[in-house]
Protein backbone atom coordinates (compact mmCIF):
# COMPACT_ATOMS: atom_id res chain seq x y z
CA MET A 1 61.27 -8.17 -14.58
CA ARG A 2 57.86 -7.74 -12.08
CA LYS A 3 60.14 -11.17 -10.40
CA ILE A 4 62.99 -9.62 -9.72
CA ILE A 5 61.59 -6.07 -9.17
CA GLY A 6 58.97 -8.02 -6.14
CA PHE A 7 62.05 -9.98 -4.39
CA VAL A 8 64.14 -6.24 -4.34
CA LEU A 9 61.13 -4.57 -2.53
CA LEU A 10 61.14 -7.90 -0.15
CA VAL A 11 64.21 -8.30 0.46
CA SER A 12 64.28 -4.01 0.80
CA LEU A 13 61.08 -4.49 2.95
CA THR A 14 63.05 -7.29 5.30
CA LEU A 15 65.97 -5.24 5.45
CA SER A 16 64.23 -1.98 6.96
CA VAL A 17 62.28 -4.31 9.40
CA SER A 18 65.24 -6.28 10.69
CA CYS A 19 67.43 -3.17 10.78
CA SER A 20 67.77 -0.99 14.29
CA THR A 21 69.82 2.11 14.61
CA ARG A 22 71.77 2.42 17.21
CA GLU A 23 70.08 4.16 19.21
CA GLU A 24 67.09 1.96 19.01
CA ARG A 25 69.78 -0.41 20.57
CA GLN A 26 70.82 1.40 22.89
CA ALA A 27 67.60 1.82 24.26
CA ARG A 28 66.76 -2.23 24.45
CA ARG A 29 69.62 -2.31 26.51
CA ALA A 30 69.01 -0.02 28.78
CA ALA A 31 65.59 -0.86 28.86
CA GLU A 32 67.02 -4.61 29.89
CA ALA A 33 69.27 -3.98 32.63
CA ALA A 34 66.88 -1.57 34.43
CA ALA A 35 64.41 -4.85 33.93
CA LEU A 36 67.22 -7.16 35.49
CA GLU A 37 67.35 -4.31 37.89
CA GLN A 38 64.47 -4.32 39.01
CA SER A 39 64.63 -7.95 39.12
CA PHE A 40 67.17 -7.91 41.82
CA VAL A 41 65.10 -5.15 43.75
CA ARG A 42 62.05 -7.75 44.03
CA THR A 43 64.75 -10.48 44.82
CA CYS A 44 65.89 -9.04 47.38
CA ILE A 45 62.39 -7.07 48.93
CA GLY A 46 61.78 -10.81 49.03
CA TYR A 47 64.24 -12.20 50.90
CA GLY A 48 62.43 -9.83 53.40
CA HIS A 49 64.79 -6.44 53.20
CA GLU A 50 63.92 -3.42 53.07
CA GLU A 51 65.16 -0.81 50.88
CA ASP A 52 68.23 1.52 50.76
CA THR A 53 69.21 0.27 53.99
CA ALA A 54 73.25 -1.37 53.66
CA VAL A 55 71.63 -4.60 53.62
CA PHE A 56 69.23 -3.67 51.36
CA ARG A 57 72.89 -2.72 49.03
CA GLN A 58 74.69 -5.61 50.51
CA CYS A 59 72.03 -8.41 48.54
CA LEU A 60 71.93 -6.09 45.96
CA SER A 61 75.89 -6.57 45.72
CA SER A 62 75.33 -9.42 46.14
CA GLU A 63 72.04 -10.21 43.64
CA ARG A 64 74.23 -8.49 41.15
CA ARG A 65 77.47 -10.74 41.37
CA ILE A 66 75.73 -13.67 40.95
CA TYR A 67 74.36 -13.11 37.91
CA GLU A 68 77.70 -12.01 36.75
CA ALA A 69 79.05 -15.21 37.72
CA GLU A 70 76.28 -17.40 35.82
CA GLU A 71 76.83 -15.59 32.59
CA LYS A 72 80.37 -15.94 32.86
CA ALA A 73 80.24 -19.60 34.24
CA GLU A 74 77.03 -20.03 30.90
CA LYS A 75 79.72 -18.16 28.59
CA ALA A 76 82.72 -20.34 29.71
CA LEU A 77 80.49 -23.61 29.07
CA LYS A 78 78.83 -22.54 25.75
CA LYS A 79 83.21 -21.94 24.70
CA ALA A 80 83.70 -25.50 26.37
CA LYS A 81 80.84 -26.39 24.30
CA LYS A 82 81.65 -25.62 21.21
CA ALA A 83 85.37 -26.69 21.90
CA ASP A 84 84.09 -30.50 22.22
CA ARG A 85 82.30 -30.39 19.05
CA ASN A 86 84.93 -28.61 16.86
CA ALA A 87 86.92 -31.27 18.13
CA MET A 88 84.49 -33.99 17.18
CA ILE A 89 84.26 -32.54 13.82
CA ASP A 90 88.01 -32.33 13.12
CA CYS A 91 88.60 -35.93 14.04
CA THR A 92 85.40 -37.37 12.67
CA ILE A 93 86.98 -35.38 9.47
CA ASN A 94 90.57 -37.49 9.66
CA GLY A 95 89.25 -40.92 10.34
CA GLY A 96 88.83 -41.26 13.99
CA SER A 97 86.24 -42.02 16.35
CA TYR A 98 85.20 -39.60 19.34
CA GLY A 99 83.99 -40.22 22.57
CA GLY A 100 84.32 -38.64 25.61
CA GLY A 101 86.62 -36.28 24.84
CA VAL A 102 88.50 -38.83 23.33
CA CYS A 103 90.32 -39.26 20.05
CA LEU A 104 90.73 -42.85 18.76
CA GLY A 105 92.19 -43.80 15.55
CA ARG A 106 92.78 -41.05 13.83
CA LYS A 107 94.67 -41.40 10.34
């Protein structure tokens, strides 16, 4: 009985620590977005642009587009790797030999 109670307490403690409210998640996302925006500002200042100028705003816009393109490319790469891994598993399960994106000897 003590083991069961101990286990239940351990699980409840773990869940209470690992869970967060919607407001906490929103606050964390807002803080991450603000930190990202500040990194763009620092980058553009580092390029020598003065704040509140057309060139500075253009730089910020470019940095945002570059970031979004990199994020999109990273997601596409992860998706392609997952598809390749699934194809390899499917090939191997069905008795084939997978390499270079090709399944050979599949039954």
